[in-house]
Amino acid sequence: MQQYFRLGFFWAFLGCFLPAMVDAASFPEVCFILDASGSMQAMVGGKTRMEAAKDVMSQIVPGLAPEVKVGLVAYGHRRNCR
């Protein structure tokens, strides 16, 4: 009897949570990695590397589909690098 209860619980669990897991996996994801270290203050083409990165991001992000999950990871930003 207890074995049937466990099996029933297992199928109920899958029935409730599996559709949510499959649905979440169907959305595309993108993660941008930003170098925020002091080297981004170097000048390239009349502007800083950071300004160039911001320009690129301002062009790319608005063009993404609304269902795309977007992440941003910055590294090297422990110091002041405005």
Protein backbone atom coordinates (compact mmCIF):
# COMPACT_ATOMS: atom_id res chain seq x y z
CA MET A 1 0.00 0.00 0.00
CA GLN A 2 2.77 2.42 0.94
CA GLN A 3 4.54 1.64 -2.34
CA TYR A 4 1.43 2.69 -4.32
CA PHE A 5 1.18 5.87 -2.29
CA ARG A 6 4.78 6.78 -3.14
CA LEU A 7 4.23 5.99 -6.81
CA GLY A 8 1.07 8.10 -6.85
CA PHE A 9 2.87 10.96 -5.15
CA PHE A 10 5.69 10.72 -7.69
CA TRP A 11 3.28 10.94 -10.66
CA ALA A 12 1.38 13.80 -9.03
CA PHE A 13 4.66 15.64 -8.49
CA LEU A 14 5.65 15.16 -12.13
CA GLY A 15 2.20 16.22 -13.30
CA CYS A 16 2.39 19.46 -11.36
CA PHE A 17 5.99 20.51 -11.87
CA LEU A 18 7.17 18.96 -15.13
CA PRO A 19 5.14 21.31 -17.36
CA ALA A 20 6.60 24.31 -15.54
CA MET A 21 10.15 22.98 -15.93
CA VAL A 22 9.68 22.27 -19.63
CA ASP A 23 8.06 25.67 -20.21
CA ALA A 24 10.91 27.50 -18.46
CA ALA A 25 13.47 25.66 -20.54
CA SER A 26 11.80 26.68 -23.80
CA PHE A 27 12.64 30.37 -23.37
CA PRO A 28 15.90 31.49 -24.96
CA GLU A 29 18.49 32.93 -22.63
CA VAL A 30 21.44 35.25 -23.14
CA CYS A 31 24.05 36.45 -20.69
CA PHE A 32 26.23 39.45 -21.41
CA ILE A 33 29.62 39.60 -19.70
CA LEU A 34 30.97 43.10 -19.17
CA ASP A 35 34.58 43.96 -18.40
CA ALA A 36 34.24 46.83 -15.94
CA SER A 37 37.91 47.01 -15.03
CA GLY A 38 40.11 50.06 -15.33
CA SER A 39 41.29 48.94 -18.77
CA MET A 40 37.87 49.96 -20.11
CA GLN A 41 38.96 53.59 -19.67
CA ALA A 42 41.44 53.25 -22.53
CA MET A 43 40.56 55.31 -25.59
CA VAL A 44 39.60 53.54 -28.81
CA GLY A 45 38.29 55.43 -31.83
CA GLY A 46 37.77 58.67 -29.90
CA LYS A 47 35.84 57.17 -26.96
CA THR A 48 36.53 54.88 -24.04
CA ARG A 49 36.10 51.15 -24.32
CA MET A 50 33.30 51.42 -21.74
CA GLU A 51 31.46 53.97 -23.91
CA ALA A 52 31.89 51.66 -26.90
CA ALA A 53 30.51 48.72 -24.89
CA LYS A 54 27.50 50.81 -23.80
CA ASP A 55 26.87 51.81 -27.42
CA VAL A 56 26.93 48.19 -28.54
CA MET A 57 24.62 47.09 -25.71
CA SER A 58 22.16 49.90 -26.49
CA GLN A 59 21.94 48.55 -30.04
CA ILE A 60 21.72 44.84 -29.20
CA VAL A 61 19.35 44.70 -26.22
CA PRO A 62 16.36 46.55 -27.78
CA GLY A 63 16.51 44.13 -30.72
CA LEU A 64 16.04 41.05 -28.56
CA ALA A 65 12.70 39.29 -28.59
CA PRO A 66 10.54 40.00 -25.51
CA GLU A 67 10.61 36.36 -24.38
CA VAL A 68 14.41 36.27 -24.17
CA LYS A 69 15.72 36.08 -20.62
CA VAL A 70 18.65 38.47 -20.29
CA GLY A 71 21.45 38.44 -17.75
CA LEU A 72 24.41 40.72 -17.16
CA VAL A 73 27.61 39.81 -15.36
CA ALA A 74 30.21 42.48 -14.67
CA TYR A 75 33.72 41.79 -13.48
CA GLY A 76 36.64 43.97 -12.48
CA HIS A 77 34.38 46.65 -11.03
CA ARG A 78 35.69 46.77 -7.48
CA ARG A 79 37.54 50.01 -8.16
CA ASN A 80 36.17 53.34 -9.35
CA CYS A 81 36.22 53.18 -13.16
CA ARG A 82 33.79 55.78 -14.42
